[in-house]
C-alpha cells in the first residue's frame, strides 16, 4: 500500500471552499483513479491535509499526472492556497 499526502496552507476563511473541492472530487477519485483505495481530509489549525490511499506508489504517482488532479483538483484549489502544496508519496513496509 502507498499513501499520497498533500499539505495545503489555506486561510480559515477559505476552508469551507477547500472542503467543497475535496467533497466534489472524492467520489470521482475513488471511482475512477486506478489503484485508489481511500481519501481523507485532515484539518488542524495550521493547515489542511488530504491523505490518499493507493495500492502502489506507481498508482499515486500516476494520479499526480492525471487530468482529475492537475486540471480539476489543482484548478479548484489554486485560488485558495497561501503557498505551494507540500506533496509526499509514502510506501508502506
PDB file of N, CA and C in Angstrom:
ATOM      1  N   UNK A   1       0.842  -1.172   0.000  1.00  0.00           N
ATOM      2  CA  UNK A   1       0.000   0.000   0.000  1.00  0.00           C
ATOM      3  C   UNK A   1       0.890   1.238   0.000  1.00  0.00           C
ATOM      4  N   UNK A   2       0.361   2.326  -0.563  1.00  0.00           N
ATOM      5  CA  UNK A   2       1.083   3.585  -0.628  1.00  0.00           C
ATOM      6  C   UNK A   2       0.145   4.722  -0.219  1.00  0.00           C
ATOM      7  N   UNK A   3       0.735   5.812   0.240  1.00  0.00           N
ATOM      8  CA  UNK A   3      -0.038   6.992   0.617  1.00  0.00           C
ATOM      9  C   UNK A   3       0.495   8.215  -0.102  1.00  0.00           C
ATOM     10  N   UNK A   4      -0.420   9.055  -0.514  1.00  0.00           N
ATOM     11  CA  UNK A   4      -0.104  10.366  -1.054  1.00  0.00           C
ATOM     12  C   UNK A   4      -0.634  11.370  -0.050  1.00  0.00           C
ATOM     13  N   UNK A   5       0.257  12.176   0.499  1.00  0.00           N
ATOM     14  CA  UNK A   5      -0.116  13.188   1.485  1.00  0.00           C
ATOM     15  C   UNK A   5       0.125  14.562   0.863  1.00  0.00           C
ATOM     16  N   UNK A   6      -0.925  15.371   0.816  1.00  0.00           N
ATOM     17  CA  UNK A   6      -0.808  16.726   0.282  1.00  0.00           C
ATOM     18  C   UNK A   6      -1.200  17.689   1.392  1.00  0.00           C
ATOM     19  N   UNK A   7      -0.250  18.528   1.786  1.00  0.00           N
ATOM     20  CA  UNK A   7      -0.485  19.515   2.839  1.00  0.00           C
ATOM     21  C   UNK A   7      -0.725  20.863   2.185  1.00  0.00           C
ATOM     22  N   UNK A   8      -1.830  21.497   2.584  1.00  0.00           N
ATOM     23  CA  UNK A   8      -2.269  22.753   1.979  1.00  0.00           C
ATOM     24  C   UNK A   8      -2.328  23.860   3.018  1.00  0.00           C
ATOM     25  N   UNK A   9      -1.777  25.008   2.661  1.00  0.00           N
ATOM     26  CA  UNK A   9      -1.872  26.194   3.508  1.00  0.00           C
ATOM     27  C   UNK A   9      -3.089  26.986   3.028  1.00  0.00           C
ATOM     28  N   UNK A  10      -4.170  26.926   3.812  1.00  0.00           N
ATOM     29  CA  UNK A  10      -5.430  27.567   3.437  1.00  0.00           C
ATOM     30  C   UNK A  10      -5.882  28.448   4.592  1.00  0.00           C
ATOM     31  N   UNK A  11      -6.175  29.710   4.304  1.00  0.00           N
ATOM     32  CA  UNK A  11      -6.707  30.607   5.333  1.00  0.00           C
ATOM     33  C   UNK A  11      -8.007  30.028   5.887  1.00  0.00           C
ATOM     34  N   UNK A  12      -8.266  30.218   7.179  1.00  0.00           N
ATOM     35  CA  UNK A  12      -9.524  29.734   7.749  1.00  0.00           C
ATOM     36  C   UNK A  12     -10.755  30.215   6.978  1.00  0.00           C
ATOM     37  N   UNK A  13     -10.715  31.402   6.435  1.00  0.00           N
ATOM     38  CA  UNK A  13     -11.856  31.935   5.682  1.00  0.00           C
ATOM     39  C   UNK A  13     -12.112  31.151   4.391  1.00  0.00           C
ATOM     40  N   UNK A  14     -11.103  30.447   3.883  1.00  0.00           N
ATOM     41  CA  UNK A  14     -11.241  29.684   2.635  1.00  0.00           C
ATOM     42  C   UNK A  14     -11.409  28.186   2.853  1.00  0.00           C
ATOM     43  N   UNK A  15     -11.478  27.759   4.091  1.00  0.00           N
ATOM     44  CA  UNK A  15     -11.529  26.316   4.356  1.00  0.00           C
ATOM     45  C   UNK A  15     -12.836  25.676   3.907  1.00  0.00           C
ATOM     46  N   UNK A  16     -13.933  26.395   4.001  1.00  0.00           N
ATOM     47  CA  UNK A  16     -15.205  25.832   3.534  1.00  0.00           C
ATOM     48  C   UNK A  16     -15.125  25.579   2.031  1.00  0.00           C
ATOM     49  N   UNK A  17     -14.559  26.526   1.291  1.00  0.00           N
ATOM     50  CA  UNK A  17     -14.415  26.356  -0.153  1.00  0.00           C
ATOM     51  C   UNK A  17     -13.459  25.203  -0.470  1.00  0.00           C
ATOM     52  N   UNK A  18     -12.368  25.086   0.271  1.00  0.00           N
ATOM     53  CA  UNK A  18     -11.415  23.987   0.052  1.00  0.00           C
ATOM     54  C   UNK A  18     -12.075  22.642   0.361  1.00  0.00           C
ATOM     55  N   UNK A  19     -12.886  22.596   1.396  1.00  0.00           N
ATOM     56  CA  UNK A  19     -13.619  21.377   1.725  1.00  0.00           C
ATOM     57  C   UNK A  19     -14.585  21.016   0.603  1.00  0.00           C
ATOM     58  N   UNK A  20     -15.175  22.027  -0.005  1.00  0.00           N
ATOM     59  CA  UNK A  20     -16.066  21.788  -1.141  1.00  0.00           C
ATOM     60  C   UNK A  20     -15.350  21.131  -2.305  1.00  0.00           C
ATOM     61  N   UNK A  21     -14.121  21.541  -2.586  1.00  0.00           N
ATOM     62  CA  UNK A  21     -13.325  20.923  -3.649  1.00  0.00           C
ATOM     63  C   UNK A  21     -13.045  19.467  -3.286  1.00  0.00           C
ATOM     64  N   UNK A  22     -12.672  19.225  -2.035  1.00  0.00           N
ATOM     65  CA  UNK A  22     -12.421  17.855  -1.574  1.00  0.00           C
ATOM     66  C   UNK A  22     -13.666  16.992  -1.780  1.00  0.00           C
ATOM     67  N   UNK A  23     -14.804  17.474  -1.323  1.00  0.00           N
ATOM     68  CA  UNK A  23     -16.046  16.692  -1.414  1.00  0.00           C
ATOM     69  C   UNK A  23     -16.478  16.466  -2.860  1.00  0.00           C
ATOM     70  N   UNK A  24     -16.281  17.462  -3.714  1.00  0.00           N
ATOM     71  CA  UNK A  24     -16.675  17.349  -5.123  1.00  0.00           C
ATOM     72  C   UNK A  24     -15.913  16.235  -5.834  1.00  0.00           C
ATOM     73  N   UNK A  25     -14.636  16.093  -5.517  1.00  0.00           N
ATOM     74  CA  UNK A  25     -13.800  15.143  -6.257  1.00  0.00           C
ATOM     75  C   UNK A  25     -13.473  13.858  -5.512  1.00  0.00           C
ATOM     76  N   UNK A  26     -13.964  13.701  -4.290  1.00  0.00           N
ATOM     77  CA  UNK A  26     -13.656  12.476  -3.534  1.00  0.00           C
ATOM     78  C   UNK A  26     -14.219  11.238  -4.236  1.00  0.00           C
ATOM     79  N   UNK A  27     -15.493  11.231  -4.552  1.00  0.00           N
ATOM     80  CA  UNK A  27     -16.081  10.038  -5.158  1.00  0.00           C
ATOM     81  C   UNK A  27     -15.545   9.768  -6.563  1.00  0.00           C
ATOM     82  N   UNK A  28     -15.392  10.790  -7.418  1.00  0.00           N
ATOM     83  CA  UNK A  28     -14.755  10.508  -8.711  1.00  0.00           C
ATOM     84  C   UNK A  28     -13.346   9.923  -8.559  1.00  0.00           C
ATOM     85  N   UNK A  29     -12.607  10.396  -7.562  1.00  0.00           N
ATOM     86  CA  UNK A  29     -11.283   9.833  -7.280  1.00  0.00           C
ATOM     87  C   UNK A  29     -11.410   8.348  -6.963  1.00  0.00           C
ATOM     88  N   UNK A  30     -12.288   8.008  -6.033  1.00  0.00           N
ATOM     89  CA  UNK A  30     -12.434   6.612  -5.616  1.00  0.00           C
ATOM     90  C   UNK A  30     -12.983   5.724  -6.732  1.00  0.00           C
ATOM     91  N   UNK A  31     -13.855   6.299  -7.579  1.00  0.00           N
ATOM     92  CA  UNK A  31     -14.496   5.511  -8.635  1.00  0.00           C
ATOM     93  C   UNK A  31     -13.648   5.337  -9.891  1.00  0.00           C
ATOM     94  N   UNK A  32     -12.757   6.301 -10.186  1.00  0.00           N
ATOM     95  CA  UNK A  32     -12.104   6.279 -11.496  1.00  0.00           C
ATOM     96  C   UNK A  32     -10.580   6.176 -11.476  1.00  0.00           C
ATOM     97  N   UNK A  33      -9.934   6.495 -10.392  1.00  0.00           N
ATOM     98  CA  UNK A  33      -8.468   6.507 -10.375  1.00  0.00           C
ATOM     99  C   UNK A  33      -7.948   5.082 -10.128  1.00  0.00           C
ATOM    100  N   UNK A  34      -7.144   4.563 -11.040  1.00  0.00           N
ATOM    101  CA  UNK A  34      -6.594   3.215 -10.853  1.00  0.00           C
ATOM    102  C   UNK A  34      -5.797   3.109  -9.550  1.00  0.00           C
ATOM    103  N   UNK A  35      -6.112   2.086  -8.774  1.00  0.00           N
ATOM    104  CA  UNK A  35      -5.393   1.827  -7.532  1.00  0.00           C
ATOM    105  C   UNK A  35      -5.854   2.638  -6.338  1.00  0.00           C
ATOM    106  N   UNK A  36      -6.824   3.531  -6.509  1.00  0.00           N
ATOM    107  CA  UNK A  36      -7.291   4.363  -5.393  1.00  0.00           C
ATOM    108  C   UNK A  36      -8.059   3.520  -4.387  1.00  0.00           C
ATOM    109  N   UNK A  37      -7.711   3.688  -3.099  1.00  0.00           N
ATOM    110  CA  UNK A  37      -8.357   2.927  -2.032  1.00  0.00           C
ATOM    111  C   UNK A  37      -9.098   3.806  -1.030  1.00  0.00           C
ATOM    112  N   UNK A  38      -8.576   5.012  -0.774  1.00  0.00           N
ATOM    113  CA  UNK A  38      -9.187   5.869   0.240  1.00  0.00           C
ATOM    114  C   UNK A  38      -8.772   7.315   0.019  1.00  0.00           C
ATOM    115  N   UNK A  39      -9.530   8.215   0.634  1.00  0.00           N
ATOM    116  CA  UNK A  39      -9.205   9.643   0.589  1.00  0.00           C
ATOM    117  C   UNK A  39      -9.809  10.278   1.832  1.00  0.00           C
ATOM    118  N   UNK A  40      -8.976  10.931   2.630  1.00  0.00           N
ATOM    119  CA  UNK A  40      -9.418  11.546   3.883  1.00  0.00           C
ATOM    120  C   UNK A  40      -8.944  12.987   3.956  1.00  0.00           C
ATOM    121  N   UNK A  41      -9.764  13.842   4.539  1.00  0.00           N
ATOM    122  CA  UNK A  41      -9.421  15.239   4.761  1.00  0.00           C
ATOM    123  C   UNK A  41      -9.083  15.417   6.236  1.00  0.00           C
ATOM    124  N   UNK A  42      -7.879  15.909   6.509  1.00  0.00           N
ATOM    125  CA  UNK A  42      -7.403  16.126   7.873  1.00  0.00           C
ATOM    126  C   UNK A  42      -7.246  17.629   8.076  1.00  0.00           C
ATOM    127  N   UNK A  43      -7.907  18.162   9.089  1.00  0.00           N
ATOM    128  CA  UNK A  43      -7.901  19.605   9.323  1.00  0.00           C
ATOM    129  C   UNK A  43      -7.315  19.895  10.696  1.00  0.00           C
ATOM    130  N   UNK A  44      -6.412  20.861  10.738  1.00  0.00           N
ATOM    131  CA  UNK A  44      -5.891  21.356  12.004  1.00  0.00           C
ATOM    132  C   UNK A  44      -5.699  22.863  11.866  1.00  0.00           C
ATOM    133  N   UNK A  45      -5.375  23.530  12.957  1.00  0.00           N
ATOM    134  CA  UNK A  45      -5.264  24.987  12.927  1.00  0.00           C
ATOM    135  C   UNK A  45      -4.243  25.481  11.904  1.00  0.00           C
ATOM    136  N   UNK A  46      -3.108  24.790  11.787  1.00  0.00           N
ATOM    137  CA  UNK A  46      -2.040  25.303  10.934  1.00  0.00           C
ATOM    138  C   UNK A  46      -2.189  24.986   9.456  1.00  0.00           C
ATOM    139  N   UNK A  47      -2.911  23.911   9.102  1.00  0.00           N
ATOM    140  CA  UNK A  47      -3.039  23.545   7.694  1.00  0.00           C
ATOM    141  C   UNK A  47      -4.145  22.521   7.501  1.00  0.00           C
ATOM    142  N   UNK A  48      -4.295  22.130   6.253  1.00  0.00           N
ATOM    143  CA  UNK A  48      -5.245  21.091   5.862  1.00  0.00           C
ATOM    144  C   UNK A  48      -4.445  20.048   5.085  1.00  0.00           C
ATOM    145  N   UNK A  49      -4.700  18.786   5.367  1.00  0.00           N
ATOM    146  CA  UNK A  49      -4.017  17.716   4.640  1.00  0.00           C
ATOM    147  C   UNK A  49      -5.045  16.807   3.992  1.00  0.00           C
ATOM    148  N   UNK A  50      -4.699  16.332   2.813  1.00  0.00           N
ATOM    149  CA  UNK A  50      -5.508  15.320   2.152  1.00  0.00           C
ATOM    150  C   UNK A  50      -4.634  14.077   2.061  1.00  0.00           C
ATOM    151  N   UNK A  51      -5.127  12.995   2.640  1.00  0.00           N
ATOM    152  CA  UNK A  51      -4.394  11.732   2.666  1.00  0.00           C
ATOM    153  C   UNK A  51      -5.110  10.740   1.754  1.00  0.00           C
ATOM    154  N   UNK A  52      -4.400  10.302   0.722  1.00  0.00           N
ATOM    155  CA  UNK A  52      -4.932   9.378  -0.274  1.00  0.00           C
ATOM    156  C   UNK A  52      -4.275   8.018  -0.090  1.00  0.00           C
ATOM    157  N   UNK A  53      -5.053   6.959  -0.140  1.00  0.00           N
ATOM    158  CA  UNK A  53      -4.508   5.609  -0.095  1.00  0.00           C
ATOM    159  C   UNK A  53      -4.542   4.979  -1.479  1.00  0.00           C
ATOM    160  N   UNK A  54      -3.450   4.307  -1.853  1.00  0.00           N
ATOM    161  CA  UNK A  54      -3.328   3.644  -3.151  1.00  0.00           C
ATOM    162  C   UNK A  54      -2.780   2.240  -2.974  1.00  0.00           C
ATOM    163  N   UNK A  55      -2.982   1.422  -3.975  1.00  0.00           N
ATOM    164  CA  UNK A  55      -2.393   0.083  -3.950  1.00  0.00           C
ATOM    165  C   UNK A  55      -0.872   0.153  -4.050  1.00  0.00           C
ATOM    166  N   UNK A  56      -0.357   1.061  -4.921  1.00  0.00           N
ATOM    167  CA  UNK A  56       1.088   1.128  -5.147  1.00  0.00           C
ATOM    168  C   UNK A  56       1.554   2.575  -5.269  1.00  0.00           C
ATOM    169  N   UNK A  57       2.847   2.787  -5.129  1.00  0.00           N
ATOM    170  CA  UNK A  57       3.450   4.109  -5.337  1.00  0.00           C
ATOM    171  C   UNK A  57       3.221   4.546  -6.781  1.00  0.00           C
ATOM    172  N   UNK A  58       3.328   3.624  -7.727  1.00  0.00           N
ATOM    173  CA  UNK A  58       3.110   3.963  -9.140  1.00  0.00           C
ATOM    174  C   UNK A  58       1.697   4.503  -9.354  1.00  0.00           C
ATOM    175  N   UNK A  59       0.707   3.937  -8.673  1.00  0.00           N
ATOM    176  CA  UNK A  59      -0.668   4.449  -8.770  1.00  0.00           C
ATOM    177  C   UNK A  59      -0.751   5.883  -8.250  1.00  0.00           C
ATOM    178  N   UNK A  60      -0.097   6.160  -7.133  1.00  0.00           N
ATOM    179  CA  UNK A  60      -0.101   7.509  -6.553  1.00  0.00           C
ATOM    180  C   UNK A  60       0.562   8.497  -7.505  1.00  0.00           C
ATOM    181  N   UNK A  61       1.685   8.116  -8.064  1.00  0.00           N
ATOM    182  CA  UNK A  61       2.399   8.999  -8.985  1.00  0.00           C
ATOM    183  C   UNK A  61       1.608   9.231 -10.267  1.00  0.00           C
ATOM    184  N   UNK A  62       0.912   8.219 -10.736  1.00  0.00           N
ATOM    185  CA  UNK A  62       0.077   8.376 -11.934  1.00  0.00           C
ATOM    186  C   UNK A  62      -1.073   9.339 -11.662  1.00  0.00           C
ATOM    187  N   UNK A  63      -1.653   9.277 -10.477  1.00  0.00           N
ATOM    188  CA  UNK A  63      -2.728  10.207 -10.120  1.00  0.00           C
ATOM    189  C   UNK A  63      -2.238  11.649 -10.164  1.00  0.00           C
ATOM    190  N   UNK A  64      -1.025  11.896  -9.693  1.00  0.00           N
ATOM    191  CA  UNK A  64      -0.476  13.254  -9.700  1.00  0.00           C
ATOM    192  C   UNK A  64      -0.348  13.824 -11.119  1.00  0.00           C
ATOM    193  N   UNK A  65      -0.263  12.954 -12.109  1.00  0.00           N
ATOM    194  CA  UNK A  65      -0.161  13.391 -13.505  1.00  0.00           C
ATOM    195  C   UNK A  65      -1.509  13.370 -14.232  1.00  0.00           C
ATOM    196  N   UNK A  66      -2.557  12.909 -13.552  1.00  0.00           N
ATOM    197  CA  UNK A  66      -3.867  12.763 -14.191  1.00  0.00           C
ATOM    198  C   UNK A  66      -4.577  14.105 -14.370  1.00  0.00           C
ATOM    199  N   UNK A  67      -5.532  14.144 -15.318  1.00  0.00           N
ATOM    200  CA  UNK A  67      -6.335  15.356 -15.511  1.00  0.00           C
ATOM    201  C   UNK A  67      -7.215  15.639 -14.306  1.00  0.00           C
ATOM    202  N   UNK A  68      -7.722  14.606 -13.653  1.00  0.00           N
ATOM    203  CA  UNK A  68      -8.544  14.823 -12.460  1.00  0.00           C
ATOM    204  C   UNK A  68      -7.768  15.630 -11.431  1.00  0.00           C
ATOM    205  N   UNK A  69      -6.492  15.303 -11.250  1.00  0.00           N
ATOM    206  CA  UNK A  69      -5.688  16.037 -10.287  1.00  0.00           C
ATOM    207  C   UNK A  69      -5.224  17.379 -10.845  1.00  0.00           C
ATOM    208  N   UNK A  70      -4.550  17.366 -11.993  1.00  0.00           N
ATOM    209  CA  UNK A  70      -3.919  18.595 -12.493  1.00  0.00           C
ATOM    210  C   UNK A  70      -4.924  19.652 -12.927  1.00  0.00           C
ATOM    211  N   UNK A  71      -6.007  19.235 -13.561  1.00  0.00           N
ATOM    212  CA  UNK A  71      -6.988  20.195 -14.059  1.00  0.00           C
ATOM    213  C   UNK A  71      -8.059  20.513 -13.017  1.00  0.00           C
ATOM    214  N   UNK A  72      -8.680  19.476 -12.490  1.00  0.00           N
ATOM    215  CA  UNK A  72      -9.850  19.668 -11.636  1.00  0.00           C
ATOM    216  C   UNK A  72      -9.490  20.044 -10.201  1.00  0.00           C
ATOM    217  N   UNK A  73      -8.717  19.202  -9.543  1.00  0.00           N
ATOM    218  CA  UNK A  73      -8.396  19.443  -8.136  1.00  0.00           C
ATOM    219  C   UNK A  73      -7.485  20.662  -7.979  1.00  0.00           C
ATOM    220  N   UNK A  74      -6.377  20.682  -8.695  1.00  0.00           N
ATOM    221  CA  UNK A  74      -5.453  21.815  -8.585  1.00  0.00           C
ATOM    222  C   UNK A  74      -6.133  23.097  -9.044  1.00  0.00           C
ATOM    223  N   UNK A  75      -6.891  23.018 -10.133  1.00  0.00           N
ATOM    224  CA  UNK A  75      -7.609  24.194 -10.616  1.00  0.00           C
ATOM    225  C   UNK A  75      -8.589  24.748  -9.597  1.00  0.00           C
ATOM    226  N   UNK A  76      -9.280  23.868  -8.888  1.00  0.00           N
ATOM    227  CA  UNK A  76     -10.230  24.305  -7.872  1.00  0.00           C
ATOM    228  C   UNK A  76      -9.583  24.841  -6.620  1.00  0.00           C
ATOM    229  N   UNK A  77      -8.431  24.290  -6.256  1.00  0.00           N
ATOM    230  CA  UNK A  77      -7.768  24.697  -5.015  1.00  0.00           C
ATOM    231  C   UNK A  77      -6.815  25.882  -5.174  1.00  0.00           C
ATOM    232  N   UNK A  78      -6.229  26.044  -6.336  1.00  0.00           N
ATOM    233  CA  UNK A  78      -5.190  27.066  -6.526  1.00  0.00           C
ATOM    234  C   UNK A  78      -5.560  28.453  -6.009  1.00  0.00           C
ATOM    235  N   UNK A  79      -6.755  28.973  -6.280  1.00  0.00           N
ATOM    236  CA  UNK A  79      -7.082  30.315  -5.789  1.00  0.00           C
ATOM    237  C   UNK A  79      -7.207  30.407  -4.262  1.00  0.00           C
ATOM    238  N   UNK A  80      -7.283  29.262  -3.598  1.00  0.00           N
ATOM    239  CA  UNK A  80      -7.499  29.237  -2.149  1.00  0.00           C
ATOM    240  C   UNK A  80      -6.208  29.069  -1.348  1.00  0.00           C
ATOM    241  N   UNK A  81      -5.103  28.783  -2.016  1.00  0.00           N
ATOM    242  CA  UNK A  81      -3.854  28.439  -1.332  1.00  0.00           C
ATOM    243  C   UNK A  81      -2.995  29.664  -1.042  1.00  0.00           C
ATOM    244  N   UNK A  82      -2.375  29.649   0.150  1.00  0.00           N
ATOM    245  CA  UNK A  82      -1.432  30.702   0.537  1.00  0.00           C
ATOM    246  C   UNK A  82      -0.015  30.386   0.075  1.00  0.00           C
ATOM    247  N   UNK A  83       0.270  29.126  -0.197  1.00  0.00           N
ATOM    248  CA  UNK A  83       1.606  28.678  -0.597  1.00  0.00           C
ATOM    249  C   UNK A  83       1.458  27.421  -1.446  1.00  0.00           C
ATOM    250  N   UNK A  84       2.528  27.048  -2.107  1.00  0.00           N
ATOM    251  CA  UNK A  84       2.519  25.813  -2.889  1.00  0.00           C
ATOM    252  C   UNK A  84       2.284  24.620  -1.968  1.00  0.00           C
ATOM    253  N   UNK A  85       1.517  23.638  -2.405  1.00  0.00           N
ATOM    254  CA  UNK A  85       1.273  22.453  -1.578  1.00  0.00           C
ATOM    255  C   UNK A  85       2.549  21.651  -1.356  1.00  0.00           C
ATOM    256  N   UNK A  86       2.613  20.985  -0.223  1.00  0.00           N
ATOM    257  CA  UNK A  86       3.692  20.049   0.078  1.00  0.00           C
ATOM    258  C   UNK A  86       3.158  18.662  -0.273  1.00  0.00           C
ATOM    259  N   UNK A  87       3.736  18.032  -1.294  1.00  0.00           N
ATOM    260  CA  UNK A  87       3.260  16.744  -1.802  1.00  0.00           C
ATOM    261  C   UNK A  87       4.287  15.674  -1.474  1.00  0.00           C
ATOM    262  N   UNK A  88       3.825  14.605  -0.811  1.00  0.00           N
ATOM    263  CA  UNK A  88       4.721  13.499  -0.435  1.00  0.00           C
ATOM    264  C   UNK A  88       4.048  12.168  -0.732  1.00  0.00           C
ATOM    265  N   UNK A  89       4.839  11.246  -1.235  1.00  0.00           N
ATOM    266  CA  UNK A  89       4.356   9.896  -1.501  1.00  0.00           C
ATOM    267  C   UNK A  89       5.125   8.948  -0.584  1.00  0.00           C
ATOM    268  N   UNK A  90       4.390   8.074   0.092  1.00  0.00           N
ATOM    269  CA  UNK A  90       4.977   7.098   1.014  1.00  0.00           C
ATOM    270  C   UNK A  90       4.622   5.698   0.585  1.00  0.00           C
ATOM    271  N   UNK A  91       5.541   4.771   0.776  1.00  0.00           N
ATOM    272  CA  UNK A  91       5.285   3.355   0.560  1.00  0.00           C
ATOM    273  C   UNK A  91       5.271   2.680   1.927  1.00  0.00           C
ATOM    274  N   UNK A  92       4.395   1.728   2.122  1.00  0.00           N
ATOM    275  CA  UNK A  92       4.376   1.003   3.390  1.00  0.00           C
ATOM    276  C   UNK A  92       5.329  -0.189   3.305  1.00  0.00           C
ATOM    277  N   UNK A  93       5.812  -0.592   4.461  1.00  0.00           N
ATOM    278  CA  UNK A  93       6.718  -1.743   4.510  1.00  0.00           C
ATOM    279  C   UNK A  93       6.129  -2.837   5.375  1.00  0.00           C
TER     280      UNK A  93
END
